[in-house]
Amino acid sequence: MNINTICLVLLVIAAYLNLYLSFNKNKQKKKTKLPISSKEWRQKVEDENFKSWLSNRQRLKDKRKENPNL
C-alpha cells in the first residue's frame, strides 16, 4: 500500500466520522415543545403574586381595624 492510499483512507474515515458526529449533534439539539410558553408562565406568576399581595393587604387592613393602636 502506498502512503497516499493510507492517507486517503484515513481522510475518508475522518470525513464519515465528522458527518456522523454532526448528524448526531443536530439530532440531540431538537427543542422539546413546552406545554406553556415563558410569557404565559410569567403572566401566571405575576397574577399569583398580585392576588397574594391583595389578600395580604386586605388582611392587614382588617388587623388595623381590629386593633387601631398598631
N, C-alpha and C. Protein backbone atom coordinates (compact mmCIF):
# COMPACT_ATOMS: atom_id res chain seq x y z
N MET A 1 0.84 -1.19 0.00
CA MET A 1 0.00 0.00 0.00
C MET A 1 0.88 1.25 0.00
N ASN A 2 0.47 2.17 -0.76
CA ASN A 2 1.18 3.42 -0.89
C ASN A 2 0.80 4.36 0.26
N ILE A 3 1.66 5.28 0.64
CA ILE A 3 1.38 6.23 1.71
C ILE A 3 0.20 7.13 1.36
N ASN A 4 0.06 7.42 0.05
CA ASN A 4 -1.07 8.25 -0.39
C ASN A 4 -2.40 7.52 -0.18
N THR A 5 -2.41 6.23 -0.40
CA THR A 5 -3.62 5.43 -0.21
C THR A 5 -4.01 5.39 1.26
N ILE A 6 -3.04 5.24 2.15
CA ILE A 6 -3.31 5.22 3.60
C ILE A 6 -3.87 6.56 4.05
N CYS A 7 -3.27 7.63 3.57
CA CYS A 7 -3.77 8.97 3.93
C CYS A 7 -5.18 9.18 3.41
N LEU A 8 -5.46 8.69 2.20
CA LEU A 8 -6.79 8.83 1.62
C LEU A 8 -7.82 8.06 2.43
N VAL A 9 -7.49 6.85 2.85
CA VAL A 9 -8.40 6.04 3.66
C VAL A 9 -8.66 6.73 5.01
N LEU A 10 -7.61 7.24 5.64
CA LEU A 10 -7.78 7.95 6.91
C LEU A 10 -8.63 9.21 6.74
N LEU A 11 -8.44 9.90 5.64
CA LEU A 11 -9.23 11.10 5.37
C LEU A 11 -10.71 10.77 5.17
N VAL A 12 -10.99 9.69 4.47
CA VAL A 12 -12.37 9.26 4.26
C VAL A 12 -13.00 8.84 5.58
N ILE A 13 -12.26 8.12 6.41
CA ILE A 13 -12.78 7.71 7.73
C ILE A 13 -13.07 8.94 8.58
N ALA A 14 -12.18 9.92 8.57
CA ALA A 14 -12.39 11.14 9.35
C ALA A 14 -13.60 11.91 8.85
N ALA A 15 -13.79 11.96 7.54
CA ALA A 15 -14.93 12.68 6.98
C ALA A 15 -16.24 12.02 7.40
N TYR A 16 -16.30 10.68 7.30
CA TYR A 16 -17.52 9.97 7.71
C TYR A 16 -17.77 10.11 9.22
N LEU A 17 -16.72 10.07 10.00
CA LEU A 17 -16.86 10.24 11.45
C LEU A 17 -17.37 11.64 11.78
N ASN A 18 -16.85 12.65 11.10
CA ASN A 18 -17.30 14.02 11.30
C ASN A 18 -18.77 14.16 10.91
N LEU A 19 -19.15 13.57 9.79
CA LEU A 19 -20.54 13.62 9.34
C LEU A 19 -21.46 12.94 10.34
N TYR A 20 -21.06 11.78 10.84
CA TYR A 20 -21.87 11.05 11.83
C TYR A 20 -22.03 11.86 13.11
N LEU A 21 -20.92 12.43 13.61
CA LEU A 21 -20.99 13.18 14.86
C LEU A 21 -21.82 14.46 14.72
N SER A 22 -21.71 15.15 13.59
CA SER A 22 -22.50 16.36 13.40
C SER A 22 -23.97 16.01 13.25
N PHE A 23 -24.31 14.92 12.59
CA PHE A 23 -25.70 14.49 12.47
C PHE A 23 -26.27 14.13 13.84
N ASN A 24 -25.48 13.44 14.64
CA ASN A 24 -25.90 13.05 15.98
C ASN A 24 -26.12 14.28 16.86
N LYS A 25 -25.27 15.29 16.71
CA LYS A 25 -25.38 16.52 17.50
C LYS A 25 -26.66 17.26 17.14
N ASN A 26 -26.98 17.35 15.85
CA ASN A 26 -28.21 18.02 15.41
C ASN A 26 -29.44 17.28 15.90
N LYS A 27 -29.34 15.97 15.96
CA LYS A 27 -30.45 15.15 16.41
C LYS A 27 -30.75 15.42 17.90
N GLN A 28 -29.70 15.64 18.70
CA GLN A 28 -29.87 15.88 20.13
C GLN A 28 -30.32 17.30 20.42
N LYS A 29 -30.08 18.25 19.50
CA LYS A 29 -30.40 19.65 19.74
C LYS A 29 -31.88 19.98 19.54
N LYS A 30 -32.68 19.04 19.07
CA LYS A 30 -34.09 19.32 18.82
C LYS A 30 -34.75 19.82 20.10
N LYS A 31 -35.50 20.91 19.93
CA LYS A 31 -36.15 21.51 21.08
C LYS A 31 -37.41 20.73 21.43
N THR A 32 -37.63 20.60 22.72
CA THR A 32 -38.86 19.95 23.16
C THR A 32 -39.94 21.01 23.25
N LYS A 33 -41.13 20.64 22.91
CA LYS A 33 -42.25 21.57 22.94
C LYS A 33 -42.75 21.66 24.38
N LEU A 34 -42.73 22.87 24.92
CA LEU A 34 -43.19 23.08 26.29
C LEU A 34 -44.70 23.26 26.31
N PRO A 35 -45.36 22.81 27.38
CA PRO A 35 -46.82 22.93 27.43
C PRO A 35 -47.28 24.37 27.60
N ILE A 36 -46.41 25.25 28.08
CA ILE A 36 -46.78 26.65 28.29
C ILE A 36 -45.58 27.51 27.93
N SER A 37 -45.85 28.64 27.29
CA SER A 37 -44.74 29.50 26.89
C SER A 37 -44.21 30.28 28.09
N SER A 38 -43.02 30.82 27.95
CA SER A 38 -42.42 31.57 29.06
C SER A 38 -43.22 32.84 29.35
N LYS A 39 -43.77 33.45 28.31
CA LYS A 39 -44.58 34.67 28.50
C LYS A 39 -45.84 34.35 29.31
N GLU A 40 -46.51 33.25 28.94
CA GLU A 40 -47.71 32.84 29.69
C GLU A 40 -47.35 32.49 31.13
N TRP A 41 -46.20 31.81 31.32
CA TRP A 41 -45.77 31.43 32.66
C TRP A 41 -45.51 32.68 33.50
N ARG A 42 -44.84 33.69 32.92
CA ARG A 42 -44.54 34.92 33.63
C ARG A 42 -45.84 35.63 34.04
N GLN A 43 -46.81 35.68 33.12
CA GLN A 43 -48.09 36.30 33.44
C GLN A 43 -48.81 35.55 34.55
N LYS A 44 -48.75 34.25 34.52
CA LYS A 44 -49.38 33.44 35.56
C LYS A 44 -48.75 33.72 36.93
N VAL A 45 -47.42 33.77 36.97
CA VAL A 45 -46.72 34.04 38.23
C VAL A 45 -47.04 35.45 38.73
N GLU A 46 -47.07 36.43 37.81
CA GLU A 46 -47.40 37.79 38.21
C GLU A 46 -48.82 37.88 38.75
N ASP A 47 -49.75 37.18 38.12
CA ASP A 47 -51.13 37.16 38.61
C ASP A 47 -51.20 36.55 40.00
N GLU A 48 -50.49 35.46 40.20
CA GLU A 48 -50.50 34.83 41.53
C GLU A 48 -49.89 35.75 42.57
N ASN A 49 -48.80 36.42 42.22
CA ASN A 49 -48.17 37.34 43.16
C ASN A 49 -49.09 38.51 43.48
N PHE A 50 -49.79 39.03 42.48
CA PHE A 50 -50.70 40.14 42.69
C PHE A 50 -51.86 39.72 43.58
N LYS A 51 -52.42 38.55 43.34
CA LYS A 51 -53.52 38.05 44.17
C LYS A 51 -53.04 37.86 45.61
N SER A 52 -51.85 37.34 45.78
CA SER A 52 -51.29 37.17 47.12
C SER A 52 -51.10 38.52 47.80
N TRP A 53 -50.61 39.49 47.04
CA TRP A 53 -50.42 40.84 47.59
C TRP A 53 -51.75 41.44 48.01
N LEU A 54 -52.78 41.27 47.18
CA LEU A 54 -54.10 41.82 47.53
C LEU A 54 -54.66 41.18 48.80
N SER A 55 -54.53 39.87 48.91
CA SER A 55 -55.05 39.20 50.09
C SER A 55 -54.29 39.62 51.35
N ASN A 56 -52.97 39.77 51.24
CA ASN A 56 -52.18 40.23 52.39
C ASN A 56 -52.54 41.66 52.77
N ARG A 57 -52.76 42.48 51.77
CA ARG A 57 -53.14 43.88 52.02
C ARG A 57 -54.49 43.95 52.75
N GLN A 58 -55.43 43.14 52.27
CA GLN A 58 -56.75 43.11 52.91
C GLN A 58 -56.64 42.58 54.34
N ARG A 59 -55.82 41.59 54.54
CA ARG A 59 -55.65 41.03 55.89
C ARG A 59 -55.06 42.07 56.83
N LEU A 60 -54.09 42.84 56.35
CA LEU A 60 -53.50 43.90 57.18
C LEU A 60 -54.51 45.00 57.49
N LYS A 61 -55.33 45.34 56.52
CA LYS A 61 -56.38 46.35 56.77
C LYS A 61 -57.34 45.86 57.84
N ASP A 62 -57.70 44.59 57.76
CA ASP A 62 -58.61 44.02 58.77
C ASP A 62 -57.95 44.02 60.15
N LYS A 63 -56.67 43.74 60.22
CA LYS A 63 -55.96 43.77 61.50
C LYS A 63 -55.96 45.17 62.09
N ARG A 64 -55.75 46.16 61.23
CA ARG A 64 -55.73 47.55 61.71
C ARG A 64 -57.09 47.97 62.23
N LYS A 65 -58.14 47.51 61.60
CA LYS A 65 -59.49 47.85 62.05
C LYS A 65 -59.76 47.22 63.42
N GLU A 66 -59.27 46.00 63.61
CA GLU A 66 -59.48 45.31 64.88
C GLU A 66 -58.68 45.95 66.00
N ASN A 67 -57.45 46.33 65.68
CA ASN A 67 -56.57 46.88 66.70
C ASN A 67 -56.02 48.23 66.19
N PRO A 68 -56.71 49.34 66.51
CA PRO A 68 -56.29 50.64 65.97
C PRO A 68 -54.98 51.19 66.57
N ASN A 69 -54.46 50.59 67.62
CA ASN A 69 -53.23 51.07 68.24
C ASN A 69 -52.00 50.76 67.40
N LEU A 70 -52.11 49.85 66.45
CA LEU A 70 -50.95 49.47 65.63
C LEU A 70 -50.67 50.49 64.61
